[in-house]
Structures are given as C-alpha cells and as structure tokens.
Amino acid sequence: MVRREAFRGAVVLITGASSGIGRATALAFAAEGARLVLASRGQEALAEVEQDCRARGGQVLVVPTDIADPAAVERLTRLAVQRFGRIDVWVEAAAVGIAGPLGSESVDEVRRLVDTNVFGTVLCARAAVTTFRAQGAGILVLVGSLLSVFPNPLVPLYSMTKFAIRGLALNLQQEVARHPGIEVCLVMPGPVDTPFFERAANHSGRELRAIPPAYAPERLAATVLACARRPRRQVTTGVVSHLALAAHRMAPRVAESMVARWSATFLTRPTTAAPGPGSLFHPPPTGAVHGGYRRIRVRRRLGEWLGAVRTGIRVNRAGAGKDPSA
C-alpha cells in the first residue's frame, strides 16, 4: 500500500502521460521520488517526459500504449509488474475530444472517441483492479471532468464519454468497498490550460480554447497526488468548480443551463478554423503541460505556484505552453 505521507519508492502508472494533466502528474510524482510507468500513444513525446522525470531522480519505464488496444493495455500492465513488482497507483488520464454539433463529425471519429475515452478507460480500470486484487492493495485515480455533471452542447459526445467514466467510477467504488486496501477515486477537473483543445477534432468552425477561468495543470496534478495520499470518492479543483457543483446540488436545472451556455460560448474564439480530426488518430510528435490559454501573467504564475508548492515542480517563468522543466 502507498504510504500516505510520501510516495518515495511507490510504483505509479500514468496513462496520457505525454501531455497536459498526465504530464504534470508524472512530473509531480517524480519530484516525490516515485517509480514511474509512463504510457501514451506518442513515443517521441514520452521520451521528453522520461528525460524530465529522470532529471528529478525518479526511475522511469516508458511503454508506448494505445489504451483502446486490449493487447497493448495487457502488455503495459505486464511490463510494469515485471519491472517493479507491483503497481501502487494507477492514474488514468488519457483522453481525446471532438467539438462541434452532433452530426458534424465522421463515424470513424465517433468510434475513436468512444474507443479511447470509454473502452480504453474500462480496459485500464479492469487491468488496475485485477492487479490490485492480486497484490491486495492499490489506488485507481480516474481523471474525468465536470462535464460528467454539466452538459456542453458544443462537445456533446465528449461530455457523454465523461458521464460514462463517472458512472464507471461510482460502480467500481461500490465493487471494491469490501476490499479495504483498494480505492477508486474520481477527479473532475473544470477547464484546464492544456494542449487538449488544439488537438481535439474540431468541427465547430471556430478556434477552440480553454474555457475561462482555466486552471493550471499543476493544480490538478496536486489534486491527483492528494487523492493518492488520502483517497476520496470524488473531488474537483478550484473555487469556480466547487461553486458550480454546489449550485448544481441546490438547483440542478438552473446550474446546468447556466454552465452549458457559458461553456459553449467561451469554448471558442472568433477566429475561423477549418474542420479537422486533430490528434484523434495520430499522436502529436511532442507534448507539453500547458496550452497557453492563461494570458494574464500574474494569474498564470499564481496557478502554477499553487500546484508547485504541493507537488515539488519547479515553475517555468519563460512562458506558457512549455514544460516547467524546459
């Protein structure tokens, strides 16, 4: 079982580790001295994260993995256990996105979205829970979204997949309740400043951006670490996200309507964008923690500092869109 006060020597497997929240989480666990198993589709981007994590003193195993491939997930699990003997924490952070009204996307894009976000998450959750049962303990952290509670008509299919992940988490929490050493946590980020938006398939006709106020990925990484230290059923990050959930408990229909209008309106910029599949089918050659959507320097530094003081990541002052170690 992972020691609650420290992760030194713990084995942490992270999917979606080449970019955004997954990458920030990998750096955070590396700073804590964890032994890391990093997975994503892009081998070149994974190599970047591996170098940055090793620079923090961590042991790293890189396994290029498409989580929608059952054989690849089985191989990832097997190699992790062969190398380190166990898996203490599994962070499921891989996801792809589609933006645009329903029907604007191709059938192949729909299949790819569901294969990655739903089927892939199920494969990873199944592998994690099976491993935890065999070794008697372990923590699964599923990175979902507030869009598993609130609708956004501009990303209806993406939101649908996040509802599915939340449903999986709630059911798994009941399933493992009789296993005191196994925990399942659901992290539900609001808008986060990651490269996700530039890589999503876009059929909206406009340029995508992170919905303001977008949070620093380091803050979500700190939330993931907090769940691994002290598991919680469901958690989010940031004042606005907490206020939205509180409003939903009091007046669900009103809160859903307001959040849907806000998020659909501010998910795009006026700039015209040609439709395209983004990185749905082919991973980008490089990755980054930030997307560069937080334009105000003071706010950008504050968000990264809030995450860094809890995770040990050194904040980069050179600008947004880069790894903090660059």
C-alpha atoms as a PDB file:
ATOM      1  CA  MET A   1       0.000   0.000   0.000  1.00  0.00           C
ATOM      2  CA  VAL A   2       1.216   3.530  -0.756  1.00  0.00           C
ATOM      3  CA  ARG A   3       2.381   5.389   2.330  1.00  0.00           C
ATOM      4  CA  ARG A   4       0.080   8.339   2.848  1.00  0.00           C
ATOM      5  CA  GLU A   5       2.886  10.699   3.889  1.00  0.00           C
ATOM      6  CA  ALA A   6       5.240  10.050   0.954  1.00  0.00           C
ATOM      7  CA  PHE A   7       5.492   8.371  -2.441  1.00  0.00           C
ATOM      8  CA  ARG A   8       9.214   7.595  -2.399  1.00  0.00           C
ATOM      9  CA  GLY A   9       9.604   4.170  -3.931  1.00  0.00           C
ATOM     10  CA  ALA A  10       5.897   3.799  -4.792  1.00  0.00           C
ATOM     11  CA  VAL A  11       5.107   2.454  -8.265  1.00  0.00           C
ATOM     12  CA  VAL A  12       2.844   4.853 -10.166  1.00  0.00           C
ATOM     13  CA  LEU A  13       1.467   4.097 -13.628  1.00  0.00           C
ATOM     14  CA  ILE A  14       0.135   7.077 -15.609  1.00  0.00           C
ATOM     15  CA  THR A  15      -1.661   6.957 -18.948  1.00  0.00           C
ATOM     16  CA  GLY A  16      -1.891  10.081 -21.066  1.00  0.00           C
ATOM     17  CA  ALA A  17       1.500  10.986 -19.610  1.00  0.00           C
ATOM     18  CA  SER A  18       2.852  12.850 -22.632  1.00  0.00           C
ATOM     19  CA  SER A  19       0.728  15.989 -22.291  1.00  0.00           C
ATOM     20  CA  GLY A  20      -1.446  18.157 -20.068  1.00  0.00           C
ATOM     21  CA  ILE A  21      -2.645  16.813 -16.727  1.00  0.00           C
ATOM     22  CA  GLY A  22      -0.969  13.433 -17.251  1.00  0.00           C
ATOM     23  CA  ARG A  23       2.393  15.053 -17.908  1.00  0.00           C
ATOM     24  CA  ALA A  24       2.082  17.422 -14.954  1.00  0.00           C
ATOM     25  CA  THR A  25       1.145  14.454 -12.755  1.00  0.00           C
ATOM     26  CA  ALA A  26       4.178  12.482 -13.927  1.00  0.00           C
ATOM     27  CA  LEU A  27       6.473  15.381 -13.034  1.00  0.00           C
ATOM     28  CA  ALA A  28       4.791  15.735  -9.652  1.00  0.00           C
ATOM     29  CA  PHE A  29       5.208  12.068  -8.731  1.00  0.00           C
ATOM     30  CA  ALA A  30       8.813  12.137  -9.981  1.00  0.00           C
ATOM     31  CA  ALA A  31       9.526  15.026  -7.626  1.00  0.00           C
ATOM     32  CA  GLU A  32       8.173  12.838  -4.798  1.00  0.00           C
ATOM     33  CA  GLY A  33      10.591  10.015  -5.636  1.00  0.00           C
ATOM     34  CA  ALA A  34       8.057   7.612  -7.144  1.00  0.00           C
ATOM     35  CA  ARG A  35       8.972   4.888  -9.596  1.00  0.00           C
ATOM     36  CA  LEU A  36       7.056   5.699 -12.759  1.00  0.00           C
ATOM     37  CA  VAL A  37       5.468   3.765 -15.602  1.00  0.00           C
ATOM     38  CA  LEU A  38       4.509   6.269 -18.287  1.00  0.00           C
ATOM     39  CA  ALA A  39       2.140   5.466 -21.138  1.00  0.00           C
ATOM     40  CA  SER A  40       0.702   7.338 -24.124  1.00  0.00           C
ATOM     41  CA  ARG A  41       0.473   6.812 -27.861  1.00  0.00           C
ATOM     42  CA  GLY A  42       3.389   9.087 -28.819  1.00  0.00           C
ATOM     43  CA  GLN A  43       6.839   7.591 -28.284  1.00  0.00           C
ATOM     44  CA  GLU A  44       8.708  10.846 -29.001  1.00  0.00           C
ATOM     45  CA  ALA A  45       6.607  12.854 -26.561  1.00  0.00           C
ATOM     46  CA  LEU A  46       7.023  10.118 -23.933  1.00  0.00           C
ATOM     47  CA  ALA A  47      10.786  10.337 -24.337  1.00  0.00           C
ATOM     48  CA  GLU A  48      10.586  14.029 -23.408  1.00  0.00           C
ATOM     49  CA  VAL A  49       8.664  13.272 -20.218  1.00  0.00           C
ATOM     50  CA  GLU A  50      11.014  10.404 -19.372  1.00  0.00           C
ATOM     51  CA  GLN A  51      14.006  12.744 -19.526  1.00  0.00           C
ATOM     52  CA  ASP A  52      12.308  15.353 -17.348  1.00  0.00           C
ATOM     53  CA  CYS A  53      11.242  12.769 -14.755  1.00  0.00           C
ATOM     54  CA  ARG A  54      14.709  11.189 -14.622  1.00  0.00           C
ATOM     55  CA  ALA A  55      16.146  14.647 -14.037  1.00  0.00           C
ATOM     56  CA  ARG A  56      14.090  14.703 -10.833  1.00  0.00           C
ATOM     57  CA  GLY A  57      15.693  11.475  -9.696  1.00  0.00           C
ATOM     58  CA  GLY A  58      12.876   9.078 -10.465  1.00  0.00           C
ATOM     59  CA  GLN A  59      13.083   5.627 -12.002  1.00  0.00           C
ATOM     60  CA  VAL A  60      11.070   5.568 -15.225  1.00  0.00           C
ATOM     61  CA  LEU A  61       9.699   2.866 -17.501  1.00  0.00           C
ATOM     62  CA  VAL A  62       8.211   4.161 -20.749  1.00  0.00           C
ATOM     63  CA  VAL A  63       5.650   1.981 -22.551  1.00  0.00           C
ATOM     64  CA  PRO A  64       4.053   3.484 -25.692  1.00  0.00           C
ATOM     65  CA  THR A  65       0.423   2.392 -25.409  1.00  0.00           C
ATOM     66  CA  ASP A  66      -2.866   2.941 -27.180  1.00  0.00           C
ATOM     67  CA  ILE A  67      -5.287   2.260 -24.326  1.00  0.00           C
ATOM     68  CA  ALA A  68      -8.014   1.336 -26.841  1.00  0.00           C
ATOM     69  CA  ASP A  69      -5.974  -1.766 -27.736  1.00  0.00           C
ATOM     70  CA  PRO A  70      -6.605  -4.625 -25.250  1.00  0.00           C
ATOM     71  CA  ALA A  71      -3.286  -6.302 -26.071  1.00  0.00           C
ATOM     72  CA  ALA A  72      -1.418  -3.031 -25.519  1.00  0.00           C
ATOM     73  CA  VAL A  73      -3.034  -2.492 -22.102  1.00  0.00           C
ATOM     74  CA  GLU A  74      -2.225  -6.077 -21.124  1.00  0.00           C
ATOM     75  CA  ARG A  75       1.392  -5.529 -22.214  1.00  0.00           C
ATOM     76  CA  LEU A  76       1.578  -2.254 -20.266  1.00  0.00           C
ATOM     77  CA  THR A  77       0.392  -3.963 -17.084  1.00  0.00           C
ATOM     78  CA  ARG A  78       2.690  -6.944 -17.539  1.00  0.00           C
ATOM     79  CA  LEU A  79       5.798  -4.836 -18.172  1.00  0.00           C
ATOM     80  CA  ALA A  80       5.056  -2.609 -15.177  1.00  0.00           C
ATOM     81  CA  VAL A  81       4.777  -5.582 -12.810  1.00  0.00           C
ATOM     82  CA  GLN A  82       7.811  -7.307 -14.337  1.00  0.00           C
ATOM     83  CA  ARG A  83       9.943  -4.183 -13.879  1.00  0.00           C
ATOM     84  CA  PHE A  84       8.824  -3.017 -10.435  1.00  0.00           C
ATOM     85  CA  GLY A  85       6.996  -6.000  -8.938  1.00  0.00           C
ATOM     86  CA  ARG A  86       3.695  -4.194  -8.336  1.00  0.00           C
ATOM     87  CA  ILE A  87       1.567  -1.157  -9.170  1.00  0.00           C
ATOM     88  CA  ASP A  88       0.615   1.029  -6.208  1.00  0.00           C
ATOM     89  CA  VAL A  89      -1.204   3.853  -8.018  1.00  0.00           C
ATOM     90  CA  TRP A  90      -2.774   3.821 -11.483  1.00  0.00           C
ATOM     91  CA  VAL A  91      -3.687   7.259 -12.865  1.00  0.00           C
ATOM     92  CA  GLU A  92      -5.982   7.061 -15.889  1.00  0.00           C
ATOM     93  CA  ALA A  93      -5.603  10.436 -17.648  1.00  0.00           C
ATOM     94  CA  ALA A  94      -5.698   9.595 -21.372  1.00  0.00           C
ATOM     95  CA  ALA A  95      -8.485  11.243 -23.382  1.00  0.00           C
ATOM     96  CA  VAL A  96      -9.303  12.683 -26.791  1.00  0.00           C
ATOM     97  CA  GLY A  97     -12.004  15.165 -27.792  1.00  0.00           C
ATOM     98  CA  ILE A  98     -14.434  16.196 -30.515  1.00  0.00           C
ATOM     99  CA  ALA A  99     -16.035  19.651 -30.757  1.00  0.00           C
ATOM    100  CA  GLY A 100     -18.987  20.570 -32.920  1.00  0.00           C
ATOM    101  CA  PRO A 101     -22.743  19.952 -33.153  1.00  0.00           C
ATOM    102  CA  LEU A 102     -23.863  16.334 -33.209  1.00  0.00           C
ATOM    103  CA  GLY A 103     -23.647  15.019 -36.756  1.00  0.00           C
ATOM    104  CA  SER A 104     -20.759  17.220 -37.847  1.00  0.00           C
ATOM    105  CA  GLU A 105     -18.216  14.524 -37.016  1.00  0.00           C
ATOM    106  CA  SER A 106     -17.469  11.383 -39.006  1.00  0.00           C
ATOM    107  CA  VAL A 107     -18.469   7.926 -37.806  1.00  0.00           C
ATOM    108  CA  ASP A 108     -14.796   6.969 -37.567  1.00  0.00           C
ATOM    109  CA  GLU A 109     -14.216   9.936 -35.257  1.00  0.00           C
ATOM    110  CA  VAL A 110     -17.084   8.864 -33.009  1.00  0.00           C
ATOM    111  CA  ARG A 111     -15.666   5.340 -32.828  1.00  0.00           C
ATOM    112  CA  ARG A 112     -12.214   6.642 -31.983  1.00  0.00           C
ATOM    113  CA  LEU A 113     -13.555   8.928 -29.253  1.00  0.00           C
ATOM    114  CA  VAL A 114     -15.550   6.137 -27.600  1.00  0.00           C
ATOM    115  CA  ASP A 115     -12.736   3.616 -28.062  1.00  0.00           C
ATOM    116  CA  THR A 116     -10.270   5.841 -26.231  1.00  0.00           C
ATOM    117  CA  ASN A 117     -12.343   7.625 -23.604  1.00  0.00           C
ATOM    118  CA  VAL A 118     -14.749   4.814 -22.679  1.00  0.00           C
ATOM    119  CA  PHE A 119     -13.440   1.456 -23.890  1.00  0.00           C
ATOM    120  CA  GLY A 120      -9.829   2.377 -23.136  1.00  0.00           C
ATOM    121  CA  THR A 121     -10.697   3.605 -19.657  1.00  0.00           C
ATOM    122  CA  VAL A 122     -12.590   0.372 -18.989  1.00  0.00           C
ATOM    123  CA  LEU A 123      -9.616  -1.709 -20.125  1.00  0.00           C
ATOM    124  CA  CYS A 124      -7.250   0.237 -17.875  1.00  0.00           C
ATOM    125  CA  ALA A 125      -9.614   0.170 -14.892  1.00  0.00           C
ATOM    126  CA  ARG A 126     -10.076  -3.570 -15.316  1.00  0.00           C
ATOM    127  CA  ALA A 127      -6.320  -4.145 -15.509  1.00  0.00           C
ATOM    128  CA  ALA A 128      -5.711  -1.930 -12.478  1.00  0.00           C
ATOM    129  CA  VAL A 129      -8.372  -3.502 -10.268  1.00  0.00           C
ATOM    130  CA  THR A 130      -7.309  -7.024 -11.256  1.00  0.00           C
ATOM    131  CA  THR A 131      -3.709  -6.189 -10.342  1.00  0.00           C
ATOM    132  CA  PHE A 132      -4.751  -4.607  -7.054  1.00  0.00           C
ATOM    133  CA  ARG A 133      -6.791  -7.665  -6.091  1.00  0.00           C
ATOM    134  CA  ALA A 134      -3.841  -9.936  -6.781  1.00  0.00           C
ATOM    135  CA  GLN A 135      -1.475  -7.862  -4.643  1.00  0.00           C
ATOM    136  CA  GLY A 136      -4.080  -6.904  -2.012  1.00  0.00           C
ATOM    137  CA  ALA A 137      -3.922  -3.121  -2.383  1.00  0.00           C
ATOM    138  CA  GLY A 138      -3.792  -0.221  -4.806  1.00  0.00           C
ATOM    139  CA  ILE A 139      -5.326   3.114  -5.756  1.00  0.00           C
ATOM    140  CA  LEU A 140      -7.025   3.844  -9.074  1.00  0.00           C
ATOM    141  CA  VAL A 141      -7.451   7.534  -9.940  1.00  0.00           C
ATOM    142  CA  LEU A 142      -9.756   8.223 -12.890  1.00  0.00           C
ATOM    143  CA  VAL A 143      -9.414  11.697 -14.384  1.00  0.00           C
ATOM    144  CA  GLY A 144     -12.900  12.659 -15.542  1.00  0.00           C
ATOM    145  CA  SER A 145     -14.418  16.106 -15.989  1.00  0.00           C
ATOM    146  CA  LEU A 146     -17.064  18.458 -14.659  1.00  0.00           C
ATOM    147  CA  LEU A 147     -18.724  17.684 -17.984  1.00  0.00           C
ATOM    148  CA  SER A 148     -19.768  14.425 -16.334  1.00  0.00           C
ATOM    149  CA  VAL A 149     -22.198  16.592 -14.342  1.00  0.00           C
ATOM    150  CA  PHE A 150     -22.826  19.571 -16.624  1.00  0.00           C
ATOM    151  CA  PRO A 151     -23.760  19.467 -20.330  1.00  0.00           C
ATOM    152  CA  ASN A 152     -21.963  21.415 -23.044  1.00  0.00           C
ATOM    153  CA  PRO A 153     -23.839  21.384 -26.375  1.00  0.00           C
ATOM    154  CA  LEU A 154     -20.658  22.149 -28.318  1.00  0.00           C
ATOM    155  CA  VAL A 155     -18.948  18.938 -27.147  1.00  0.00           C
ATOM    156  CA  PRO A 156     -21.890  16.549 -26.656  1.00  0.00           C
ATOM    157  CA  LEU A 157     -20.004  13.343 -27.450  1.00  0.00           C
ATOM    158  CA  TYR A 158     -17.010  14.220 -25.294  1.00  0.00           C
ATOM    159  CA  SER A 159     -19.341  15.078 -22.424  1.00  0.00           C
ATOM    160  CA  MET A 160     -21.131  11.757 -22.947  1.00  0.00           C
ATOM    161  CA  THR A 161     -17.867   9.854 -22.513  1.00  0.00           C
ATOM    162  CA  LYS A 162     -17.143  11.698 -19.273  1.00  0.00           C
ATOM    163  CA  PHE A 163     -20.580  10.752 -17.936  1.00  0.00           C
ATOM    164  CA  ALA A 164     -19.602   7.149 -18.686  1.00  0.00           C
ATOM    165  CA  ILE A 165     -16.335   7.484 -16.757  1.00  0.00           C
ATOM    166  CA  ARG A 166     -18.144   8.921 -13.759  1.00  0.00           C
ATOM    167  CA  GLY A 167     -20.608   6.020 -13.882  1.00  0.00           C
ATOM    168  CA  LEU A 168     -17.730   3.556 -14.013  1.00  0.00           C
ATOM    169  CA  ALA A 169     -16.051   5.208 -11.022  1.00  0.00           C
ATOM    170  CA  LEU A 170     -19.226   5.160  -8.909  1.00  0.00           C
ATOM    171  CA  ASN A 171     -19.807   1.487  -9.641  1.00  0.00           C
ATOM    172  CA  LEU A 172     -16.202   0.491  -9.020  1.00  0.00           C
ATOM    173  CA  GLN A 173     -16.233   2.300  -5.693  1.00  0.00           C
ATOM    174  CA  GLN A 174     -19.063   0.044  -4.583  1.00  0.00           C
ATOM    175  CA  GLU A 175     -17.406  -3.040  -6.047  1.00  0.00           C
ATOM    176  CA  VAL A 176     -14.127  -2.547  -4.144  1.00  0.00           C
ATOM    177  CA  ALA A 177     -15.829  -1.468  -0.909  1.00  0.00           C
ATOM    178  CA  ARG A 178     -15.281  -4.955   0.520  1.00  0.00           C
ATOM    179  CA  HIS A 179     -11.535  -4.722  -0.250  1.00  0.00           C
ATOM    180  CA  PRO A 180     -10.129  -2.305   2.362  1.00  0.00           C
ATOM    181  CA  GLY A 181      -6.782  -1.996   0.589  1.00  0.00           C
ATOM    182  CA  ILE A 182      -8.228  -0.928  -2.782  1.00  0.00           C
ATOM    183  CA  GLU A 183      -9.504   2.585  -3.515  1.00  0.00           C
ATOM    184  CA  VAL A 184     -11.098   4.190  -6.570  1.00  0.00           C
ATOM    185  CA  CYS A 185     -11.041   7.991  -6.854  1.00  0.00           C
ATOM    186  CA  LEU A 186     -12.661  10.282  -9.429  1.00  0.00           C
ATOM    187  CA  VAL A 187     -11.002  13.625 -10.203  1.00  0.00           C
ATOM    188  CA  MET A 188     -13.331  16.002 -12.063  1.00  0.00           C
ATOM    189  CA  PRO A 189     -11.418  18.969 -13.496  1.00  0.00           C
ATOM    190  CA  GLY A 190     -13.104  22.063 -14.737  1.00  0.00           C
ATOM    191  CA  PRO A 191     -11.395  23.883 -17.631  1.00  0.00           C
ATOM    192  CA  VAL A 192      -7.623  23.384 -17.547  1.00  0.00           C
ATOM    193  CA  ASP A 193      -4.883  25.138 -19.547  1.00  0.00           C
ATOM    194  CA  THR A 194      -3.567  22.170 -21.559  1.00  0.00           C
ATOM    195  CA  PRO A 195      -2.872  21.453 -25.262  1.00  0.00           C
ATOM    196  CA  PHE A 196      -6.045  19.316 -25.341  1.00  0.00           C
ATOM    197  CA  PHE A 197      -8.066  21.988 -27.148  1.00  0.00           C
ATOM    198  CA  GLU A 198      -5.676  22.464 -30.065  1.00  0.00           C
ATOM    199  CA  ARG A 199      -5.507  18.683 -30.514  1.00  0.00           C
ATOM    200  CA  ALA A 200      -9.221  17.896 -30.371  1.00  0.00           C
ATOM    201  CA  ALA A 201     -11.134  17.137 -33.549  1.00  0.00           C
ATOM    202  CA  ASN A 202     -12.799  20.435 -34.370  1.00  0.00           C
ATOM    203  CA  HIS A 203     -15.992  20.807 -36.414  1.00  0.00           C
ATOM    204  CA  SER A 204     -17.242  23.968 -34.711  1.00  0.00           C
ATOM    205  CA  GLY A 205     -15.976  26.307 -37.439  1.00  0.00           C
ATOM    206  CA  ARG A 206     -14.093  28.354 -34.840  1.00  0.00           C
ATOM    207  CA  GLU A 207     -10.806  28.040 -32.997  1.00  0.00           C
ATOM    208  CA  LEU A 208     -11.064  26.142 -29.709  1.00  0.00           C
ATOM    209  CA  ARG A 209      -9.665  27.404 -26.416  1.00  0.00           C
ATOM    210  CA  ALA A 210      -9.787  26.531 -22.734  1.00  0.00           C
ATOM    211  CA  ILE A 211     -12.959  27.881 -21.144  1.00  0.00           C
ATOM    212  CA  PRO A 212     -12.070  30.703 -18.736  1.00  0.00           C
ATOM    213  CA  PRO A 213     -11.106  30.608 -15.973  1.00  0.00           C
ATOM    214  CA  ALA A 214      -8.751  27.795 -16.986  1.00  0.00           C
ATOM    215  CA  TYR A 215      -6.687  26.298 -14.167  1.00  0.00           C
ATOM    216  CA  ALA A 216      -3.010  25.381 -14.220  1.00  0.00           C
ATOM    217  CA  PRO A 217      -2.377  21.656 -14.850  1.00  0.00           C
ATOM    218  CA  GLU A 218      -0.076  21.664 -11.808  1.00  0.00           C
ATOM    219  CA  ARG A 219      -3.101  22.256  -9.594  1.00  0.00           C
ATOM    220  CA  LEU A 220      -4.805  19.164 -10.990  1.00  0.00           C
ATOM    221  CA  ALA A 221      -1.599  17.183 -10.525  1.00  0.00           C
ATOM    222  CA  ALA A 222      -1.606  18.238  -6.884  1.00  0.00           C
ATOM    223  CA  THR A 223      -5.212  17.041  -6.612  1.00  0.00           C
ATOM    224  CA  VAL A 224      -4.272  13.642  -8.050  1.00  0.00           C
ATOM    225  CA  LEU A 225      -1.447  13.300  -5.524  1.00  0.00           C
ATOM    226  CA  ALA A 226      -3.788  14.322  -2.724  1.00  0.00           C
ATOM    227  CA  CYS A 227      -6.210  11.557  -3.773  1.00  0.00           C
ATOM    228  CA  ALA A 228      -3.391   9.014  -3.760  1.00  0.00           C
ATOM    229  CA  ARG A 229      -2.358  10.138  -0.259  1.00  0.00           C
ATOM    230  CA  ARG A 230      -5.876  10.249   1.129  1.00  0.00           C
ATOM    231  CA  PRO A 231      -8.341   8.646  -1.291  1.00  0.00           C
ATOM    232  CA  ARG A 232     -11.636  10.441  -1.864  1.00  0.00           C
ATOM    233  CA  ARG A 233     -14.634   9.305  -3.887  1.00  0.00           C
ATOM    234  CA  GLN A 234     -14.980  12.462  -5.948  1.00  0.00           C
ATOM    235  CA  VAL A 235     -13.010  15.701  -5.998  1.00  0.00           C
ATOM    236  CA  THR A 236     -12.536  18.803  -8.132  1.00  0.00           C
ATOM    237  CA  THR A 237     -10.128  21.752  -8.102  1.00  0.00           C
ATOM    238  CA  GLY A 238     -10.645  25.495  -7.919  1.00  0.00           C
ATOM    239  CA  VAL A 239     -13.185  27.887  -6.440  1.00  0.00           C
ATOM    240  CA  VAL A 240     -15.292  28.170  -9.604  1.00  0.00           C
ATOM    241  CA  SER A 241     -15.530  24.385  -9.968  1.00  0.00           C
ATOM    242  CA  HIS A 242     -16.585  23.965  -6.339  1.00  0.00           C
ATOM    243  CA  LEU A 243     -19.166  26.738  -6.679  1.00  0.00           C
ATOM    244  CA  ALA A 244     -20.584  25.116  -9.812  1.00  0.00           C
ATOM    245  CA  LEU A 245     -21.017  21.779  -8.032  1.00  0.00           C
ATOM    246  CA  ALA A 246     -22.618  23.499  -5.038  1.00  0.00           C
ATOM    247  CA  ALA A 247     -25.049  25.316  -7.340  1.00  0.00           C
ATOM    248  CA  HIS A 248     -25.901  22.038  -9.044  1.00  0.00           C
ATOM    249  CA  ARG A 249     -26.809  20.448  -5.719  1.00  0.00           C
ATOM    250  CA  MET A 250     -29.182  23.317  -4.921  1.00  0.00           C
ATOM    251  CA  ALA A 251     -30.717  23.985  -8.348  1.00  0.00           C
ATOM    252  CA  PRO A 252     -29.654  21.386 -10.924  1.00  0.00           C
ATOM    253  CA  ARG A 253     -31.623  22.654 -13.922  1.00  0.00           C
ATOM    254  CA  VAL A 254     -30.608  26.273 -13.462  1.00  0.00           C
ATOM    255  CA  ALA A 255     -26.954  25.377 -12.893  1.00  0.00           C
ATOM    256  CA  GLU A 256     -26.862  23.085 -15.914  1.00  0.00           C
ATOM    257  CA  SER A 257     -28.396  25.747 -18.153  1.00  0.00           C
ATOM    258  CA  MET A 258     -26.001  28.469 -16.990  1.00  0.00           C
ATOM    259  CA  VAL A 259     -22.871  26.337 -17.230  1.00  0.00           C
ATOM    260  CA  ALA A 260     -23.904  24.963 -20.635  1.00  0.00           C
ATOM    261  CA  ARG A 261     -24.387  28.463 -22.061  1.00  0.00           C
ATOM    262  CA  TRP A 262     -21.153  29.782 -20.555  1.00  0.00           C
ATOM    263  CA  SER A 263     -19.007  26.839 -21.604  1.00  0.00           C
ATOM    264  CA  ALA A 264     -20.437  26.567 -25.121  1.00  0.00           C
ATOM    265  CA  THR A 265     -19.978  30.311 -25.689  1.00  0.00           C
ATOM    266  CA  PHE A 266     -16.422  30.617 -24.396  1.00  0.00           C
ATOM    267  CA  LEU A 267     -15.041  27.305 -25.664  1.00  0.00           C
ATOM    268  CA  THR A 268     -14.271  29.014 -28.976  1.00  0.00           C
ATOM    269  CA  ARG A 269     -12.649  32.185 -30.245  1.00  0.00           C
ATOM    270  CA  PRO A 270     -13.991  34.285 -33.141  1.00  0.00           C
ATOM    271  CA  THR A 271     -11.146  33.038 -35.353  1.00  0.00           C
ATOM    272  CA  THR A 272     -12.365  30.780 -38.163  1.00  0.00           C
ATOM    273  CA  ALA A 273     -10.921  27.256 -38.116  1.00  0.00           C
ATOM    274  CA  ALA A 274     -11.073  24.587 -40.798  1.00  0.00           C
ATOM    275  CA  PRO A 275     -12.587  21.275 -39.699  1.00  0.00           C
ATOM    276  CA  GLY A 276     -10.137  18.506 -38.916  1.00  0.00           C
ATOM    277  CA  PRO A 277      -9.580  15.345 -36.842  1.00  0.00           C
ATOM    278  CA  GLY A 278      -6.862  16.855 -34.664  1.00  0.00           C
ATOM    279  CA  SER A 279      -4.832  14.139 -32.983  1.00  0.00           C
ATOM    280  CA  LEU A 280      -7.670  11.608 -32.756  1.00  0.00           C
ATOM    281  CA  PHE A 281      -5.921   9.091 -34.983  1.00  0.00           C
ATOM    282  CA  HIS A 282      -2.265  10.147 -34.863  1.00  0.00           C
ATOM    283  CA  PRO A 283      -0.444  11.348 -31.725  1.00  0.00           C
ATOM    284  CA  PRO A 284       1.487  14.620 -31.998  1.00  0.00           C
ATOM    285  CA  PRO A 285       5.297  14.266 -32.030  1.00  0.00           C
ATOM    286  CA  THR A 286       5.779  16.466 -28.974  1.00  0.00           C
ATOM    287  CA  GLY A 287       3.874  17.225 -25.797  1.00  0.00           C
ATOM    288  CA  ALA A 288       3.545  19.985 -23.231  1.00  0.00           C
ATOM    289  CA  VAL A 289       1.985  20.618 -19.845  1.00  0.00           C
ATOM    290  CA  HIS A 290       0.401  23.959 -20.737  1.00  0.00           C
ATOM    291  CA  GLY A 291      -1.758  25.102 -23.616  1.00  0.00           C
ATOM    292  CA  GLY A 292      -1.007  28.817 -23.281  1.00  0.00           C
ATOM    293  CA  TYR A 293      -4.594  29.932 -22.656  1.00  0.00           C
ATOM    294  CA  ARG A 294      -3.987  31.839 -19.412  1.00  0.00           C
ATOM    295  CA  ARG A 295      -2.921  35.209 -20.782  1.00  0.00           C
ATOM    296  CA  ILE A 296      -2.560  37.178 -17.552  1.00  0.00           C
ATOM    297  CA  ARG A 297       0.976  36.671 -16.256  1.00  0.00           C
ATOM    298  CA  VAL A 298       0.157  37.100 -12.564  1.00  0.00           C
ATOM    299  CA  ARG A 299      -2.683  34.593 -12.750  1.00  0.00           C
ATOM    300  CA  ARG A 300      -0.546  32.158 -14.724  1.00  0.00           C
ATOM    301  CA  ARG A 301       2.259  32.297 -12.185  1.00  0.00           C
ATOM    302  CA  LEU A 302      -0.127  32.039  -9.247  1.00  0.00           C
ATOM    303  CA  GLY A 303      -1.838  28.930 -10.603  1.00  0.00           C
ATOM    304  CA  GLU A 304       1.447  27.177 -11.310  1.00  0.00           C
ATOM    305  CA  TRP A 305       2.803  28.172  -7.915  1.00  0.00           C
ATOM    306  CA  LEU A 306      -0.257  26.791  -6.129  1.00  0.00           C
ATOM    307  CA  GLY A 307       0.351  23.442  -7.775  1.00  0.00           C
ATOM    308  CA  ALA A 308       4.118  23.571  -7.433  1.00  0.00           C
ATOM    309  CA  VAL A 309       4.167  24.186  -3.681  1.00  0.00           C
ATOM    310  CA  ARG A 310       2.171  20.972  -3.206  1.00  0.00           C
ATOM    311  CA  THR A 311       4.000  18.808  -5.734  1.00  0.00           C
ATOM    312  CA  GLY A 312       7.603  19.994  -5.911  1.00  0.00           C
ATOM    313  CA  ILE A 313       7.504  21.002  -9.596  1.00  0.00           C
ATOM    314  CA  ARG A 314       9.776  23.896 -10.476  1.00  0.00           C
ATOM    315  CA  VAL A 315       7.716  26.593 -12.195  1.00  0.00           C
ATOM    316  CA  ASN A 316       8.907  27.812 -15.595  1.00  0.00           C
ATOM    317  CA  ARG A 317       8.853  31.611 -15.911  1.00  0.00           C
ATOM    318  CA  ALA A 318       9.623  31.653 -19.625  1.00  0.00           C
ATOM    319  CA  GLY A 319       6.011  31.479 -20.750  1.00  0.00           C
ATOM    320  CA  ALA A 320       3.002  29.288 -21.241  1.00  0.00           C
ATOM    321  CA  GLY A 321       2.786  26.205 -23.372  1.00  0.00           C
ATOM    322  CA  LYS A 322       6.048  24.675 -22.140  1.00  0.00           C
ATOM    323  CA  ASP A 323       7.043  22.021 -19.714  1.00  0.00           C
ATOM    324  CA  PRO A 324       8.059  23.533 -16.343  1.00  0.00           C
ATOM    325  CA  SER A 325      11.476  21.911 -16.638  1.00  0.00           C
ATOM    326  CA  ALA A 326      12.238  23.415 -20.044  1.00  0.00           C
END
